[in-house]
């Protein structure tokens, strides 16, 4: 099994890296990611089938004559709704997200891991919680959060594609973002994320910028900033202030840690920094 996977990985790498090493690495990691997910589904289906056959067989045999009632056995590895699919629970407030490059996340109190469409092969997210009557107009109980994006490119104005005039590097992305006329931007500064050299900028919309020409998450008017290989678009919306920190992650290209808050709440960004410190990627 391991030898087969190794031969498959080598074959994938030789084929995918013929013209672009980094693109080849992303393809290999993404391929392994898909195979892991397919293996998990196959294993789950096999367990379910075995349990079903066992139940049917036991039921049929029991109908042949009296038998001693047996206690119902609970499956030993039943997980909560949060810890399923691409999300794995590692302990109290500790998770692993199976992104193209899997990331471990130790969340602080007051944060929850997002599920559903907020978790893809290229994206994971955690949200800061508040009371329902204090929430913003976008997410009823959420005013701030941190989103991790792998394979990031600068998005076109309408969010339909990556910008060809912005190089596929962390510094190029952050420098492009800081120069956008619809944003107030801090100076671009060097930073570090989980030991990786990175580039950071803080931005907010200029007054009177409007709602923006793109549709973030396919539903909110925004100024598009990022697009991932699966064409998921994120960006800045009215009332947001955000920190963008970009770094190069082997196998996942430009990776962005996007810390955001509504109502221009910079104190929320300070709280988000604790969640950012809880991120870690396995050694290259």
C-alpha atoms as a PDB file:
ATOM      1  CA  UNK A   1       0.000   0.000   0.000  1.00  0.00           C
ATOM      2  CA  UNK A   2       2.726   2.485   1.015  1.00  0.00           C
ATOM      3  CA  UNK A   3       4.937   1.429  -1.927  1.00  0.00           C
ATOM      4  CA  UNK A   4       2.012   1.894  -4.309  1.00  0.00           C
ATOM      5  CA  UNK A   5       1.317   5.379  -2.920  1.00  0.00           C
ATOM      6  CA  UNK A   6       4.994   6.269  -3.218  1.00  0.00           C
ATOM      7  CA  UNK A   7       5.159   5.096  -6.845  1.00  0.00           C
ATOM      8  CA  UNK A   8       1.961   7.027  -7.591  1.00  0.00           C
ATOM      9  CA  UNK A   9       3.381  10.177  -5.971  1.00  0.00           C
ATOM     10  CA  UNK A  10       6.640   9.909  -7.947  1.00  0.00           C
ATOM     11  CA  UNK A  11       4.726   9.414 -11.176  1.00  0.00           C
ATOM     12  CA  UNK A  12       2.474  12.359 -10.396  1.00  0.00           C
ATOM     13  CA  UNK A  13       5.436  14.565  -9.584  1.00  0.00           C
ATOM     14  CA  UNK A  14       7.376  13.678 -12.749  1.00  0.00           C
ATOM     15  CA  UNK A  15       4.347  14.361 -14.924  1.00  0.00           C
ATOM     16  CA  UNK A  16       3.147  17.524 -13.190  1.00  0.00           C
ATOM     17  CA  UNK A  17       6.526  19.220 -12.840  1.00  0.00           C
ATOM     18  CA  UNK A  18       7.617  18.996 -16.455  1.00  0.00           C
ATOM     19  CA  UNK A  19       7.015  22.737 -16.963  1.00  0.00           C
ATOM     20  CA  UNK A  20       6.393  24.265 -13.536  1.00  0.00           C
ATOM     21  CA  UNK A  21       7.812  22.788 -10.320  1.00  0.00           C
ATOM     22  CA  UNK A  22       5.552  24.704  -7.947  1.00  0.00           C
ATOM     23  CA  UNK A  23       2.422  23.994  -9.998  1.00  0.00           C
ATOM     24  CA  UNK A  24       3.453  20.330 -10.086  1.00  0.00           C
ATOM     25  CA  UNK A  25       3.808  20.230  -6.315  1.00  0.00           C
ATOM     26  CA  UNK A  26       0.366  21.783  -5.914  1.00  0.00           C
ATOM     27  CA  UNK A  27      -1.085  19.147  -8.250  1.00  0.00           C
ATOM     28  CA  UNK A  28       0.589  16.319  -6.309  1.00  0.00           C
ATOM     29  CA  UNK A  29      -0.600  17.610  -2.933  1.00  0.00           C
ATOM     30  CA  UNK A  30      -4.112  18.161  -4.296  1.00  0.00           C
ATOM     31  CA  UNK A  31      -4.115  14.659  -5.821  1.00  0.00           C
ATOM     32  CA  UNK A  32      -3.082  13.119  -2.519  1.00  0.00           C
ATOM     33  CA  UNK A  33      -5.762  15.204  -0.812  1.00  0.00           C
ATOM     34  CA  UNK A  34      -8.435  13.810  -3.144  1.00  0.00           C
ATOM     35  CA  UNK A  35      -7.181  10.238  -2.683  1.00  0.00           C
ATOM     36  CA  UNK A  36      -7.234  10.622   1.110  1.00  0.00           C
ATOM     37  CA  UNK A  37     -10.817  11.840   0.994  1.00  0.00           C
ATOM     38  CA  UNK A  38     -11.863   9.029  -1.367  1.00  0.00           C
ATOM     39  CA  UNK A  39     -10.172   6.469   0.931  1.00  0.00           C
ATOM     40  CA  UNK A  40     -12.036   7.850   3.959  1.00  0.00           C
ATOM     41  CA  UNK A  41     -15.372   7.626   2.148  1.00  0.00           C
ATOM     42  CA  UNK A  42     -14.594   4.099   0.962  1.00  0.00           C
ATOM     43  CA  UNK A  43     -13.615   2.979   4.454  1.00  0.00           C
ATOM     44  CA  UNK A  44     -16.758   4.543   5.933  1.00  0.00           C
ATOM     45  CA  UNK A  45     -18.925   2.819   3.350  1.00  0.00           C
ATOM     46  CA  UNK A  46     -17.242  -0.533   4.068  1.00  0.00           C
ATOM     47  CA  UNK A  47     -17.825  -0.148   7.820  1.00  0.00           C
ATOM     48  CA  UNK A  48     -21.458   0.806   7.236  1.00  0.00           C
ATOM     49  CA  UNK A  49     -21.943  -2.192   4.929  1.00  0.00           C
ATOM     50  CA  UNK A  50     -20.318  -4.555   7.412  1.00  0.00           C
ATOM     51  CA  UNK A  51     -22.482  -3.237  10.257  1.00  0.00           C
ATOM     52  CA  UNK A  52     -25.598  -3.582   8.104  1.00  0.00           C
ATOM     53  CA  UNK A  53     -24.753  -7.171   7.093  1.00  0.00           C
ATOM     54  CA  UNK A  54     -23.947  -8.039  10.686  1.00  0.00           C
ATOM     55  CA  UNK A  55     -27.260  -6.625  11.895  1.00  0.00           C
ATOM     56  CA  UNK A  56     -29.255  -8.405   9.192  1.00  0.00           C
ATOM     57  CA  UNK A  57     -27.465 -11.701   9.830  1.00  0.00           C
ATOM     58  CA  UNK A  58     -27.931 -11.474  13.573  1.00  0.00           C
ATOM     59  CA  UNK A  59     -31.579 -10.555  13.149  1.00  0.00           C
ATOM     60  CA  UNK A  60     -32.209 -13.463  10.769  1.00  0.00           C
ATOM     61  CA  UNK A  61     -30.446 -15.970  13.018  1.00  0.00           C
ATOM     62  CA  UNK A  62     -32.299 -14.638  16.031  1.00  0.00           C
ATOM     63  CA  UNK A  63     -35.621 -15.402  14.367  1.00  0.00           C
ATOM     64  CA  UNK A  64     -34.724 -19.081  14.257  1.00  0.00           C
ATOM     65  CA  UNK A  65     -35.266 -19.541  17.984  1.00  0.00           C
ATOM     66  CA  UNK A  66     -35.029 -17.908  21.422  1.00  0.00           C
ATOM     67  CA  UNK A  67     -31.734 -16.283  22.321  1.00  0.00           C
ATOM     68  CA  UNK A  68     -30.308 -14.158  25.105  1.00  0.00           C
ATOM     69  CA  UNK A  69     -30.782 -10.443  24.400  1.00  0.00           C
ATOM     70  CA  UNK A  70     -27.462  -8.695  23.750  1.00  0.00           C
ATOM     71  CA  UNK A  71     -26.686  -5.067  24.690  1.00  0.00           C
ATOM     72  CA  UNK A  72     -26.584  -2.572  21.826  1.00  0.00           C
ATOM     73  CA  UNK A  73     -22.973  -1.646  21.009  1.00  0.00           C
ATOM     74  CA  UNK A  74     -22.190   1.989  20.204  1.00  0.00           C
ATOM     75  CA  UNK A  75     -19.615   2.382  17.403  1.00  0.00           C
ATOM     76  CA  UNK A  76     -16.313   3.378  19.069  1.00  0.00           C
ATOM     77  CA  UNK A  77     -15.370   6.219  16.709  1.00  0.00           C
ATOM     78  CA  UNK A  78     -18.556   8.240  16.321  1.00  0.00           C
ATOM     79  CA  UNK A  79     -17.613  11.907  15.766  1.00  0.00           C
ATOM     80  CA  UNK A  80     -19.604  15.071  16.213  1.00  0.00           C
ATOM     81  CA  UNK A  81     -20.907  17.000  13.213  1.00  0.00           C
ATOM     82  CA  UNK A  82     -17.953  19.400  13.480  1.00  0.00           C
ATOM     83  CA  UNK A  83     -15.395  16.598  13.408  1.00  0.00           C
ATOM     84  CA  UNK A  84     -16.256  14.913  10.137  1.00  0.00           C
ATOM     85  CA  UNK A  85     -15.175  14.970   6.520  1.00  0.00           C
ATOM     86  CA  UNK A  86     -12.216  17.324   6.134  1.00  0.00           C
ATOM     87  CA  UNK A  87     -12.225  18.339   9.829  1.00  0.00           C
ATOM     88  CA  UNK A  88     -10.594  16.160  12.489  1.00  0.00           C
ATOM     89  CA  UNK A  89     -10.754  16.752  16.255  1.00  0.00           C
ATOM     90  CA  UNK A  90      -7.378  16.480  18.010  1.00  0.00           C
ATOM     91  CA  UNK A  91      -8.513  17.506  21.498  1.00  0.00           C
ATOM     92  CA  UNK A  92     -10.254  20.384  23.235  1.00  0.00           C
ATOM     93  CA  UNK A  93     -10.438  23.232  20.685  1.00  0.00           C
ATOM     94  CA  UNK A  94      -7.762  21.541  18.558  1.00  0.00           C
ATOM     95  CA  UNK A  95      -8.481  20.575  14.958  1.00  0.00           C
ATOM     96  CA  UNK A  96      -6.814  19.448  11.758  1.00  0.00           C
ATOM     97  CA  UNK A  97      -8.228  20.694   8.458  1.00  0.00           C
ATOM     98  CA  UNK A  98      -7.442  18.594   5.398  1.00  0.00           C
ATOM     99  CA  UNK A  99      -6.619  21.437   3.063  1.00  0.00           C
ATOM    100  CA  UNK A 100      -4.244  20.847   0.149  1.00  0.00           C
ATOM    101  CA  UNK A 101      -1.525  21.304   2.771  1.00  0.00           C
ATOM    102  CA  UNK A 102      -3.266  20.154   6.003  1.00  0.00           C
ATOM    103  CA  UNK A 103      -3.242  22.719   8.815  1.00  0.00           C
ATOM    104  CA  UNK A 104      -3.629  22.216  12.565  1.00  0.00           C
ATOM    105  CA  UNK A 105      -5.543  24.858  14.478  1.00  0.00           C
ATOM    106  CA  UNK A 106      -5.681  25.429  18.244  1.00  0.00           C
ATOM    107  CA  UNK A 107      -8.539  27.896  18.748  1.00  0.00           C
ATOM    108  CA  UNK A 108      -8.849  30.198  21.759  1.00  0.00           C
ATOM    109  CA  UNK A 109     -12.050  30.501  23.832  1.00  0.00           C
ATOM    110  CA  UNK A 110     -14.745  32.497  22.087  1.00  0.00           C
ATOM    111  CA  UNK A 111     -14.045  31.071  18.616  1.00  0.00           C
ATOM    112  CA  UNK A 112     -15.641  28.268  16.663  1.00  0.00           C
ATOM    113  CA  UNK A 113     -14.499  26.400  13.590  1.00  0.00           C
ATOM    114  CA  UNK A 114     -16.605  27.093  10.522  1.00  0.00           C
ATOM    115  CA  UNK A 115     -18.115  24.106   8.704  1.00  0.00           C
ATOM    116  CA  UNK A 116     -19.903  23.456   5.420  1.00  0.00           C
ATOM    117  CA  UNK A 117     -18.965  25.615   2.435  1.00  0.00           C
ATOM    118  CA  UNK A 118     -16.382  27.545   4.489  1.00  0.00           C
ATOM    119  CA  UNK A 119     -14.108  24.468   4.416  1.00  0.00           C
ATOM    120  CA  UNK A 120     -12.730  23.407   1.018  1.00  0.00           C
ATOM    121  CA  UNK A 121      -9.502  21.888  -0.308  1.00  0.00           C
ATOM    122  CA  UNK A 122      -8.068  25.425  -0.285  1.00  0.00           C
ATOM    123  CA  UNK A 123      -9.835  27.206   2.588  1.00  0.00           C
ATOM    124  CA  UNK A 124     -10.598  26.924   6.314  1.00  0.00           C
ATOM    125  CA  UNK A 125     -12.142  29.448   8.678  1.00  0.00           C
ATOM    126  CA  UNK A 126     -12.845  30.186  12.353  1.00  0.00           C
ATOM    127  CA  UNK A 127     -15.353  32.758  13.607  1.00  0.00           C
ATOM    128  CA  UNK A 128     -15.365  34.880  16.755  1.00  0.00           C
ATOM    129  CA  UNK A 129     -18.690  34.652  18.555  1.00  0.00           C
ATOM    130  CA  UNK A 130     -20.842  37.313  20.166  1.00  0.00           C
ATOM    131  CA  UNK A 131     -24.436  37.615  21.347  1.00  0.00           C
ATOM    132  CA  UNK A 132     -27.102  37.504  18.652  1.00  0.00           C
ATOM    133  CA  UNK A 133     -28.240  41.073  19.316  1.00  0.00           C
ATOM    134  CA  UNK A 134     -24.683  42.355  18.903  1.00  0.00           C
ATOM    135  CA  UNK A 135     -23.981  40.710  15.579  1.00  0.00           C
ATOM    136  CA  UNK A 136     -23.472  42.512  12.289  1.00  0.00           C
ATOM    137  CA  UNK A 137     -25.742  42.396   9.241  1.00  0.00           C
ATOM    138  CA  UNK A 138     -23.737  39.663   7.490  1.00  0.00           C
ATOM    139  CA  UNK A 139     -23.581  36.762   9.952  1.00  0.00           C
ATOM    140  CA  UNK A 140     -26.008  36.915  12.840  1.00  0.00           C
ATOM    141  CA  UNK A 141     -23.624  35.820  15.596  1.00  0.00           C
ATOM    142  CA  UNK A 142     -20.289  36.642  13.993  1.00  0.00           C
ATOM    143  CA  UNK A 143     -18.424  39.936  13.957  1.00  0.00           C
ATOM    144  CA  UNK A 144     -14.869  38.794  13.259  1.00  0.00           C
ATOM    145  CA  UNK A 145     -12.817  35.785  12.255  1.00  0.00           C
ATOM    146  CA  UNK A 146      -9.757  34.320  10.589  1.00  0.00           C
ATOM    147  CA  UNK A 147      -9.717  32.643   7.171  1.00  0.00           C
ATOM    148  CA  UNK A 148      -6.845  30.522   5.843  1.00  0.00           C
ATOM    149  CA  UNK A 149      -6.510  30.466   2.049  1.00  0.00           C
ATOM    150  CA  UNK A 150      -4.046  28.315   0.092  1.00  0.00           C
ATOM    151  CA  UNK A 151      -3.155  28.615  -3.610  1.00  0.00           C
ATOM    152  CA  UNK A 152      -4.076  32.310  -3.567  1.00  0.00           C
ATOM    153  CA  UNK A 153      -3.910  34.625  -6.581  1.00  0.00           C
ATOM    154  CA  UNK A 154      -4.950  38.264  -6.810  1.00  0.00           C
ATOM    155  CA  UNK A 155      -8.548  38.367  -8.075  1.00  0.00           C
ATOM    156  CA  UNK A 156      -9.811  40.337 -11.069  1.00  0.00           C
ATOM    157  CA  UNK A 157     -12.224  43.199 -10.370  1.00  0.00           C
ATOM    158  CA  UNK A 158     -15.298  41.056 -11.063  1.00  0.00           C
ATOM    159  CA  UNK A 159     -13.875  38.028  -9.244  1.00  0.00           C
ATOM    160  CA  UNK A 160     -14.104  35.890 -12.354  1.00  0.00           C
ATOM    161  CA  UNK A 161     -10.420  35.049 -12.696  1.00  0.00           C
ATOM    162  CA  UNK A 162      -6.895  35.586 -11.389  1.00  0.00           C
ATOM    163  CA  UNK A 163      -5.081  38.733 -12.457  1.00  0.00           C
ATOM    164  CA  UNK A 164      -2.394  37.928 -15.028  1.00  0.00           C
ATOM    165  CA  UNK A 165      -0.474  41.115 -14.214  1.00  0.00           C
ATOM    166  CA  UNK A 166       0.204  40.137 -10.561  1.00  0.00           C
ATOM    167  CA  UNK A 167       2.954  37.584 -10.002  1.00  0.00           C
ATOM    168  CA  UNK A 168       2.186  34.397  -8.090  1.00  0.00           C
ATOM    169  CA  UNK A 169       4.247  35.336  -5.022  1.00  0.00           C
ATOM    170  CA  UNK A 170       3.291  36.471  -1.503  1.00  0.00           C
ATOM    171  CA  UNK A 171       5.062  39.822  -1.784  1.00  0.00           C
ATOM    172  CA  UNK A 172       3.516  40.594  -5.172  1.00  0.00           C
ATOM    173  CA  UNK A 173       0.038  39.835  -3.843  1.00  0.00           C
ATOM    174  CA  UNK A 174       0.399  42.024  -0.731  1.00  0.00           C
ATOM    175  CA  UNK A 175       2.030  44.861  -2.684  1.00  0.00           C
ATOM    176  CA  UNK A 176      -0.799  44.774  -5.257  1.00  0.00           C
ATOM    177  CA  UNK A 177      -3.414  44.815  -2.483  1.00  0.00           C
ATOM    178  CA  UNK A 178      -1.829  47.816  -0.744  1.00  0.00           C
ATOM    179  CA  UNK A 179      -1.936  49.788  -4.012  1.00  0.00           C
ATOM    180  CA  UNK A 180      -5.675  49.396  -4.701  1.00  0.00           C
ATOM    181  CA  UNK A 181      -7.440  52.791  -4.948  1.00  0.00           C
ATOM    182  CA  UNK A 182     -10.545  51.574  -3.086  1.00  0.00           C
ATOM    183  CA  UNK A 183      -8.513  50.696   0.035  1.00  0.00           C
ATOM    184  CA  UNK A 184      -6.817  52.519   2.871  1.00  0.00           C
ATOM    185  CA  UNK A 185      -3.653  50.473   3.414  1.00  0.00           C
ATOM    186  CA  UNK A 186      -0.848  50.401   5.930  1.00  0.00           C
ATOM    187  CA  UNK A 187       2.765  50.027   4.886  1.00  0.00           C
ATOM    188  CA  UNK A 188       3.726  46.569   3.647  1.00  0.00           C
ATOM    189  CA  UNK A 189       5.849  44.948   6.346  1.00  0.00           C
ATOM    190  CA  UNK A 190       7.804  41.739   6.815  1.00  0.00           C
ATOM    191  CA  UNK A 191       6.230  39.217   9.194  1.00  0.00           C
ATOM    192  CA  UNK A 192       6.282  35.507  10.064  1.00  0.00           C
ATOM    193  CA  UNK A 193       3.563  32.820  10.167  1.00  0.00           C
ATOM    194  CA  UNK A 194       4.371  29.516  11.854  1.00  0.00           C
ATOM    195  CA  UNK A 195       8.065  30.192  11.169  1.00  0.00           C
ATOM    196  CA  UNK A 196       7.520  31.074   7.488  1.00  0.00           C
ATOM    197  CA  UNK A 197       8.771  34.473   6.228  1.00  0.00           C
ATOM    198  CA  UNK A 198       5.698  36.503   5.247  1.00  0.00           C
ATOM    199  CA  UNK A 199       4.420  39.915   4.139  1.00  0.00           C
ATOM    200  CA  UNK A 200       1.648  41.819   5.943  1.00  0.00           C
ATOM    201  CA  UNK A 201      -0.702  44.724   5.241  1.00  0.00           C
ATOM    202  CA  UNK A 202      -3.810  46.100   7.013  1.00  0.00           C
ATOM    203  CA  UNK A 203      -6.614  47.479   4.815  1.00  0.00           C
ATOM    204  CA  UNK A 204     -10.103  48.968   4.974  1.00  0.00           C
ATOM    205  CA  UNK A 205     -12.423  50.475   2.362  1.00  0.00           C
ATOM    206  CA  UNK A 206     -12.110  54.160   1.594  1.00  0.00           C
ATOM    207  CA  UNK A 207     -15.154  56.263   2.465  1.00  0.00           C
ATOM    208  CA  UNK A 208     -17.779  56.187  -0.274  1.00  0.00           C
ATOM    209  CA  UNK A 209     -16.269  53.203  -2.092  1.00  0.00           C
ATOM    210  CA  UNK A 210     -19.668  51.517  -2.385  1.00  0.00           C
ATOM    211  CA  UNK A 211     -20.490  47.815  -2.331  1.00  0.00           C
ATOM    212  CA  UNK A 212     -18.006  46.605  -4.947  1.00  0.00           C
ATOM    213  CA  UNK A 213     -18.413  44.960  -8.376  1.00  0.00           C
ATOM    214  CA  UNK A 214     -17.822  41.315  -7.369  1.00  0.00           C
ATOM    215  CA  UNK A 215     -19.831  38.692  -5.469  1.00  0.00           C
ATOM    216  CA  UNK A 216     -17.852  37.166  -2.598  1.00  0.00           C
ATOM    217  CA  UNK A 217     -18.968  33.681  -1.542  1.00  0.00           C
ATOM    218  CA  UNK A 218     -21.364  33.946  -4.512  1.00  0.00           C
ATOM    219  CA  UNK A 219     -23.741  36.099  -2.481  1.00  0.00           C
ATOM    220  CA  UNK A 220     -22.191  39.275  -0.981  1.00  0.00           C
ATOM    221  CA  UNK A 221     -21.262  42.379  -2.986  1.00  0.00           C
ATOM    222  CA  UNK A 222     -17.556  43.033  -2.383  1.00  0.00           C
ATOM    223  CA  UNK A 223     -14.249  44.223  -3.728  1.00  0.00           C
ATOM    224  CA  UNK A 224     -12.599  40.924  -4.686  1.00  0.00           C
ATOM    225  CA  UNK A 225      -9.091  40.390  -3.341  1.00  0.00           C
ATOM    226  CA  UNK A 226      -8.351  36.650  -3.473  1.00  0.00           C
ATOM    227  CA  UNK A 227      -9.240  33.730  -5.720  1.00  0.00           C
ATOM    228  CA  UNK A 228      -8.234  30.106  -5.074  1.00  0.00           C
ATOM    229  CA  UNK A 229      -7.729  27.282  -7.630  1.00  0.00           C
ATOM    230  CA  UNK A 230     -11.332  26.124  -7.098  1.00  0.00           C
ATOM    231  CA  UNK A 231     -12.524  29.662  -8.043  1.00  0.00           C
ATOM    232  CA  UNK A 232     -13.616  30.597  -4.512  1.00  0.00           C
ATOM    233  CA  UNK A 233     -13.538  34.398  -4.190  1.00  0.00           C
ATOM    234  CA  UNK A 234     -13.136  36.475  -1.030  1.00  0.00           C
ATOM    235  CA  UNK A 235     -12.795  40.204  -0.577  1.00  0.00           C
ATOM    236  CA  UNK A 236     -13.500  43.356   1.393  1.00  0.00           C
ATOM    237  CA  UNK A 237     -17.085  44.334   2.211  1.00  0.00           C
ATOM    238  CA  UNK A 238     -18.610  47.448   3.716  1.00  0.00           C
ATOM    239  CA  UNK A 239     -17.536  48.068   7.310  1.00  0.00           C
ATOM    240  CA  UNK A 240     -14.612  45.628   7.206  1.00  0.00           C
ATOM    241  CA  UNK A 241     -11.080  46.116   8.434  1.00  0.00           C
ATOM    242  CA  UNK A 242      -8.642  43.303   7.697  1.00  0.00           C
ATOM    243  CA  UNK A 243      -5.086  42.069   8.072  1.00  0.00           C
ATOM    244  CA  UNK A 244      -3.621  40.096   5.152  1.00  0.00           C
ATOM    245  CA  UNK A 245      -0.472  38.062   5.828  1.00  0.00           C
ATOM    246  CA  UNK A 246       0.896  36.090   2.860  1.00  0.00           C
ATOM    247  CA  UNK A 247       3.670  33.500   2.694  1.00  0.00           C
ATOM    248  CA  UNK A 248       4.896  30.730   0.406  1.00  0.00           C
ATOM    249  CA  UNK A 249       3.819  27.218   1.415  1.00  0.00           C
ATOM    250  CA  UNK A 250       5.439  24.379  -0.590  1.00  0.00           C
ATOM    251  CA  UNK A 251       2.758  22.426  -2.421  1.00  0.00           C
ATOM    252  CA  UNK A 252       0.114  25.101  -1.804  1.00  0.00           C
ATOM    253  CA  UNK A 253       1.625  28.192  -3.420  1.00  0.00           C
ATOM    254  CA  UNK A 254       0.867  31.595  -1.934  1.00  0.00           C
ATOM    255  CA  UNK A 255      -0.977  31.093   1.340  1.00  0.00           C
ATOM    256  CA  UNK A 256      -2.869  33.943   3.012  1.00  0.00           C
ATOM    257  CA  UNK A 257      -3.979  34.275   6.618  1.00  0.00           C
ATOM    258  CA  UNK A 258      -6.851  36.774   6.432  1.00  0.00           C
ATOM    259  CA  UNK A 259      -7.916  38.246   9.788  1.00  0.00           C
ATOM    260  CA  UNK A 260     -11.088  40.310   9.422  1.00  0.00           C
ATOM    261  CA  UNK A 261     -13.635  42.228  11.483  1.00  0.00           C
ATOM    262  CA  UNK A 262     -16.771  44.239  10.803  1.00  0.00           C
ATOM    263  CA  UNK A 263     -17.673  47.702  12.149  1.00  0.00           C
ATOM    264  CA  UNK A 264     -14.023  48.738  11.696  1.00  0.00           C
ATOM    265  CA  UNK A 265     -13.350  46.970  15.012  1.00  0.00           C
ATOM    266  CA  UNK A 266      -9.557  46.956  15.345  1.00  0.00           C
ATOM    267  CA  UNK A 267      -9.810  45.513  18.864  1.00  0.00           C
ATOM    268  CA  UNK A 268     -11.413  42.437  17.255  1.00  0.00           C
ATOM    269  CA  UNK A 269      -8.347  42.098  15.023  1.00  0.00           C
ATOM    270  CA  UNK A 270      -6.211  42.100  18.173  1.00  0.00           C
ATOM    271  CA  UNK A 271      -8.286  39.218  19.545  1.00  0.00           C
ATOM    272  CA  UNK A 272      -8.015  37.430  16.190  1.00  0.00           C
ATOM    273  CA  UNK A 273      -4.223  37.446  16.550  1.00  0.00           C
ATOM    274  CA  UNK A 274      -4.553  34.786  19.259  1.00  0.00           C
ATOM    275  CA  UNK A 275      -6.374  32.521  16.791  1.00  0.00           C
ATOM    276  CA  UNK A 276      -3.698  33.231  14.163  1.00  0.00           C
ATOM    277  CA  UNK A 277      -0.978  32.092  16.578  1.00  0.00           C
ATOM    278  CA  UNK A 278      -2.809  28.762  16.895  1.00  0.00           C
ATOM    279  CA  UNK A 279      -2.168  27.865  13.232  1.00  0.00           C
ATOM    280  CA  UNK A 280       0.548  25.373  12.316  1.00  0.00           C
ATOM    281  CA  UNK A 281       1.547  23.421   9.226  1.00  0.00           C
ATOM    282  CA  UNK A 282       3.630  20.239   9.255  1.00  0.00           C
ATOM    283  CA  UNK A 283       7.316  20.644   8.442  1.00  0.00           C
ATOM    284  CA  UNK A 284       8.116  20.719   4.731  1.00  0.00           C
END
